[in-house]
PDB file of N, CA and C in Angstrom:
ATOM      1  N   MET A   1      47.319 159.699 123.970  1.00  0.00           N
ATOM      2  CA  MET A   1      46.130 159.030 123.907  1.00  0.00           C
ATOM      3  C   MET A   1      46.496 157.557 123.897  1.00  0.00           C
ATOM      4  N   GLN A   2      45.531 156.579 124.370  1.00  0.00           N
ATOM      5  CA  GLN A   2      45.820 155.358 124.607  1.00  0.00           C
ATOM      6  C   GLN A   2      44.713 154.575 123.805  1.00  0.00           C
ATOM      7  N   THR A   3      45.185 153.696 122.764  1.00  0.00           N
ATOM      8  CA  THR A   3      44.431 152.977 122.152  1.00  0.00           C
ATOM      9  C   THR A   3      43.737 151.668 122.688  1.00  0.00           C
ATOM     10  N   SER A   4      42.828 151.056 122.254  1.00  0.00           N
ATOM     11  CA  SER A   4      42.055 150.083 122.792  1.00  0.00           C
ATOM     12  C   SER A   4      43.296 148.856 122.939  1.00  0.00           C
ATOM     13  N   HIS A   5      44.021 148.782 121.541  1.00  0.00           N
ATOM     14  CA  HIS A   5      45.206 147.675 121.531  1.00  0.00           C
ATOM     15  C   HIS A   5      46.072 148.041 122.840  1.00  0.00           C
ATOM     16  N   HIS A   6      46.409 149.068 122.941  1.00  0.00           N
ATOM     17  CA  HIS A   6      47.432 149.408 123.960  1.00  0.00           C
ATOM     18  C   HIS A   6      46.956 149.051 125.454  1.00  0.00           C
ATOM     19  N   ALA A   7      45.752 149.394 125.576  1.00  0.00           N
ATOM     20  CA  ALA A   7      44.939 148.910 126.715  1.00  0.00           C
ATOM     21  C   ALA A   7      44.861 147.618 127.009  1.00  0.00           C
ATOM     22  N   ALA A   8      44.363 146.765 126.037  1.00  0.00           N
ATOM     23  CA  ALA A   8      44.527 145.433 125.970  1.00  0.00           C
ATOM     24  C   ALA A   8      45.970 144.814 126.437  1.00  0.00           C
ATOM     25  N   LEU A   9      46.830 145.465 125.851  1.00  0.00           N
ATOM     26  CA  LEU A   9      48.224 144.905 126.131  1.00  0.00           C
ATOM     27  C   LEU A   9      48.679 145.125 127.540  1.00  0.00           C
ATOM     28  N   GLU A  10      48.153 146.263 128.048  1.00  0.00           N
ATOM     29  CA  GLU A  10      48.620 146.655 129.710  1.00  0.00           C
ATOM     30  C   GLU A  10      47.841 145.572 130.472  1.00  0.00           C
ATOM     31  N   THR A  11      46.528 145.273 129.960  1.00  0.00           N
ATOM     32  CA  THR A  11      45.702 144.342 130.683  1.00  0.00           C
ATOM     33  C   THR A  11      46.324 143.002 130.863  1.00  0.00           C
ATOM     34  N   LYS A  12      46.858 142.697 129.607  1.00  0.00           N
ATOM     35  CA  LYS A  12      47.320 141.225 129.680  1.00  0.00           C
ATOM     36  C   LYS A  12      48.786 141.292 130.324  1.00  0.00           C
ATOM     37  N   HIS A  13      49.613 142.405 130.368  1.00  0.00           N
ATOM     38  CA  HIS A  13      50.687 142.467 131.045  1.00  0.00           C
ATOM     39  C   HIS A  13      50.668 142.314 132.513  1.00  0.00           C
ATOM     40  N   ALA A  14      49.584 142.994 132.881  1.00  0.00           N
ATOM     41  CA  ALA A  14      48.919 142.975 134.558  1.00  0.00           C
ATOM     42  C   ALA A  14      48.580 141.510 134.806  1.00  0.00           C
ATOM     43  N   GLY A  15      47.976 140.983 134.052  1.00  0.00           N
ATOM     44  CA  GLY A  15      47.468 139.536 134.347  1.00  0.00           C
ATOM     45  C   GLY A  15      48.776 138.652 134.438  1.00  0.00           C
ATOM     46  N   LEU A  16      49.704 138.810 133.523  1.00  0.00           N
ATOM     47  CA  LEU A  16      50.878 137.953 133.663  1.00  0.00           C
ATOM     48  C   LEU A  16      51.767 138.210 134.876  1.00  0.00           C
ATOM     49  N   ASP A  17      51.660 139.546 135.317  1.00  0.00           N
ATOM     50  CA  ASP A  17      52.326 139.956 136.706  1.00  0.00           C
ATOM     51  C   ASP A  17      51.532 139.060 137.842  1.00  0.00           C
ATOM     52  N   ARG A  18      50.329 139.124 137.692  1.00  0.00           N
ATOM     53  CA  ARG A  18      49.551 138.357 138.914  1.00  0.00           C
ATOM     54  C   ARG A  18      49.765 136.925 138.785  1.00  0.00           C
ATOM     55  N   ARG A  19      49.889 136.249 137.566  1.00  0.00           N
ATOM     56  CA  ARG A  19      50.200 134.882 137.442  1.00  0.00           C
ATOM     57  C   ARG A  19      51.589 134.608 137.852  1.00  0.00           C
ATOM     58  N   ILE A  20      52.617 135.544 137.715  1.00  0.00           N
ATOM     59  CA  ILE A  20      53.941 135.360 137.976  1.00  0.00           C
ATOM     60  C   ILE A  20      54.018 135.254 139.493  1.00  0.00           C
ATOM     61  N   ALA A  21      53.082 136.159 140.040  1.00  0.00           N
ATOM     62  CA  ALA A  21      53.165 136.514 141.602  1.00  0.00           C
ATOM     63  C   ALA A  21      52.487 135.307 142.207  1.00  0.00           C
ATOM     64  N   ASP A  22      51.606 134.483 141.737  1.00  0.00           N
ATOM     65  CA  ASP A  22      50.924 133.699 142.235  1.00  0.00           C
ATOM     66  C   ASP A  22      51.828 132.325 142.227  1.00  0.00           C
ATOM     67  N   GLU A  23      52.561 132.136 141.073  1.00  0.00           N
ATOM     68  CA  GLU A  23      53.387 130.971 140.904  1.00  0.00           C
ATOM     69  C   GLU A  23      54.392 131.107 141.831  1.00  0.00           C
ATOM     70  N   THR A  24      55.094 132.352 141.988  1.00  0.00           N
ATOM     71  CA  THR A  24      56.164 132.250 142.985  1.00  0.00           C
ATOM     72  C   THR A  24      55.928 132.266 144.523  1.00  0.00           C
ATOM     73  N   HIS A  25      54.429 132.284 144.808  1.00  0.00           N
ATOM     74  CA  HIS A  25      54.216 132.271 146.188  1.00  0.00           C
ATOM     75  C   HIS A  25      53.719 130.710 146.486  1.00  0.00           C
ATOM     76  N   ARG A  26      53.621 129.814 145.337  1.00  0.00           N
ATOM     77  CA  ARG A  26      53.218 128.445 145.626  1.00  0.00           C
ATOM     78  C   ARG A  26      54.278 127.784 146.298  1.00  0.00           C
ATOM     79  N   PRO A  27      53.931 126.840 147.041  1.00  0.00           N
ATOM     80  CA  PRO A  27      55.021 125.895 147.890  1.00  0.00           C
ATOM     81  C   PRO A  27      56.055 125.539 147.069  1.00  0.00           C
ATOM     82  N   MET A  28      55.946 125.262 145.751  1.00  0.00           N
ATOM     83  CA  MET A  28      57.152 124.786 145.160  1.00  0.00           C
ATOM     84  C   MET A  28      56.789 125.259 143.485  1.00  0.00           C
ATOM     85  N   PRO A  29      57.178 126.349 143.622  1.00  0.00           N
ATOM     86  CA  PRO A  29      57.065 127.139 141.971  1.00  0.00           C
ATOM     87  C   PRO A  29      57.511 126.130 141.286  1.00  0.00           C
ATOM     88  N   ASP A  30      57.085 126.218 139.852  1.00  0.00           N
ATOM     89  CA  ASP A  30      57.594 125.466 138.668  1.00  0.00           C
ATOM     90  C   ASP A  30      58.544 126.633 137.956  1.00  0.00           C
ATOM     91  N   PRO A  31      59.646 126.092 137.879  1.00  0.00           N
ATOM     92  CA  PRO A  31      60.642 127.060 137.207  1.00  0.00           C
ATOM     93  C   PRO A  31      60.136 127.351 135.743  1.00  0.00           C
ATOM     94  N   VAL A  32      59.887 126.299 135.176  1.00  0.00           N
ATOM     95  CA  VAL A  32      59.715 126.259 133.737  1.00  0.00           C
ATOM     96  C   VAL A  32      58.430 127.083 133.321  1.00  0.00           C
ATOM     97  N   VAL A  33      57.254 127.214 134.223  1.00  0.00           N
ATOM     98  CA  VAL A  33      56.220 128.041 134.138  1.00  0.00           C
ATOM     99  C   VAL A  33      56.706 129.477 134.368  1.00  0.00           C
ATOM    100  N   LEU A  34      57.386 129.617 135.514  1.00  0.00           N
ATOM    101  CA  LEU A  34      57.984 131.023 135.711  1.00  0.00           C
ATOM    102  C   LEU A  34      58.528 131.623 134.526  1.00  0.00           C
ATOM    103  N   ALA A  35      59.723 130.860 133.927  1.00  0.00           N
ATOM    104  CA  ALA A  35      60.368 131.374 132.888  1.00  0.00           C
ATOM    105  C   ALA A  35      59.328 131.624 131.695  1.00  0.00           C
ATOM    106  N   ASP A  36      58.625 130.825 131.347  1.00  0.00           N
ATOM    107  CA  ASP A  36      57.530 130.978 130.244  1.00  0.00           C
ATOM    108  C   ASP A  36      56.791 132.230 130.382  1.00  0.00           C
ATOM    109  N   LEU A  37      56.136 132.365 131.711  1.00  0.00           N
ATOM    110  CA  LEU A  37      55.318 133.674 132.072  1.00  0.00           C
ATOM    111  C   LEU A  37      56.229 134.745 132.120  1.00  0.00           C
ATOM    112  N   LYS A  38      57.548 134.868 132.429  1.00  0.00           N
ATOM    113  CA  LYS A  38      58.426 136.057 132.274  1.00  0.00           C
ATOM    114  C   LYS A  38      58.626 136.435 130.743  1.00  0.00           C
ATOM    115  N   LYS A  39      58.919 135.393 130.041  1.00  0.00           N
ATOM    116  CA  LYS A  39      59.225 135.601 128.709  1.00  0.00           C
ATOM    117  C   LYS A  39      58.009 136.180 127.881  1.00  0.00           C
ATOM    118  N   GLN A  40      56.756 135.755 128.301  1.00  0.00           N
ATOM    119  CA  GLN A  40      55.426 136.333 127.657  1.00  0.00           C
ATOM    120  C   GLN A  40      55.171 137.862 128.147  1.00  0.00           C
ATOM    121  N   LYS A  41      55.667 138.089 129.360  1.00  0.00           N
ATOM    122  CA  LYS A  41      55.583 139.448 130.110  1.00  0.00           C
ATOM    123  C   LYS A  41      56.660 140.301 129.328  1.00  0.00           C
ATOM    124  N   LEU A  42      57.874 140.126 128.981  1.00  0.00           N
ATOM    125  CA  LEU A  42      58.702 140.549 128.472  1.00  0.00           C
ATOM    126  C   LEU A  42      58.399 141.015 127.078  1.00  0.00           C
ATOM    127  N   LYS A  43      57.769 140.087 126.201  1.00  0.00           N
ATOM    128  CA  LYS A  43      57.454 140.126 124.994  1.00  0.00           C
ATOM    129  C   LYS A  43      56.374 141.291 124.958  1.00  0.00           C
ATOM    130  N   LEU A  44      55.487 141.293 125.826  1.00  0.00           N
ATOM    131  CA  LEU A  44      54.342 142.146 125.906  1.00  0.00           C
ATOM    132  C   LEU A  44      54.855 143.817 126.244  1.00  0.00           C
ATOM    133  N   LYS A  45      55.770 143.716 126.985  1.00  0.00           N
ATOM    134  CA  LYS A  45      56.494 144.911 127.461  1.00  0.00           C
ATOM    135  C   LYS A  45      57.329 145.574 126.278  1.00  0.00           C
ATOM    136  N   GLU A  46      57.865 144.824 125.347  1.00  0.00           N
ATOM    137  CA  GLU A  46      58.520 145.370 124.327  1.00  0.00           C
ATOM    138  C   GLU A  46      57.446 145.839 123.323  1.00  0.00           C
ATOM    139  N   GLU A  47      56.428 145.227 123.093  1.00  0.00           N
ATOM    140  CA  GLU A  47      55.222 145.660 122.204  1.00  0.00           C
ATOM    141  C   GLU A  47      54.694 146.842 122.508  1.00  0.00           C
ATOM    142  N   ILE A  48      54.617 146.939 123.984  1.00  0.00           N
ATOM    143  CA  ILE A  48      53.830 148.096 124.485  1.00  0.00           C
ATOM    144  C   ILE A  48      54.961 149.190 124.301  1.00  0.00           C
ATOM    145  N   ALA A  49      56.098 149.033 124.305  1.00  0.00           N
ATOM    146  CA  ALA A  49      57.142 150.287 124.287  1.00  0.00           C
ATOM    147  C   ALA A  49      57.173 150.625 123.093  1.00  0.00           C
ATOM    148  N   SER A  50      57.025 149.886 121.965  1.00  0.00           N
ATOM    149  CA  SER A  50      57.168 150.213 120.614  1.00  0.00           C
ATOM    150  C   SER A  50      55.966 150.634 120.072  1.00  0.00           C
ATOM    151  N   LEU A  51      54.877 151.022 120.873  1.00  0.00           N
ATOM    152  CA  LEU A  51      53.573 151.641 120.402  1.00  0.00           C
ATOM    153  C   LEU A  51      53.741 153.192 120.475  1.00  0.00           C
TER     154      LEU A  51
END
């Protein structure tokens, strides 16, 4: 059974995935922004896995 908290984390994770893809496809992706987004995504993934 999926809790609302788990669903919210999954939604945030998917949003970060889209933001990473958008940044990657820019003409000059900002490596600092990409690194920050990837760190946030990893943190969410770890939190989801711990549920």
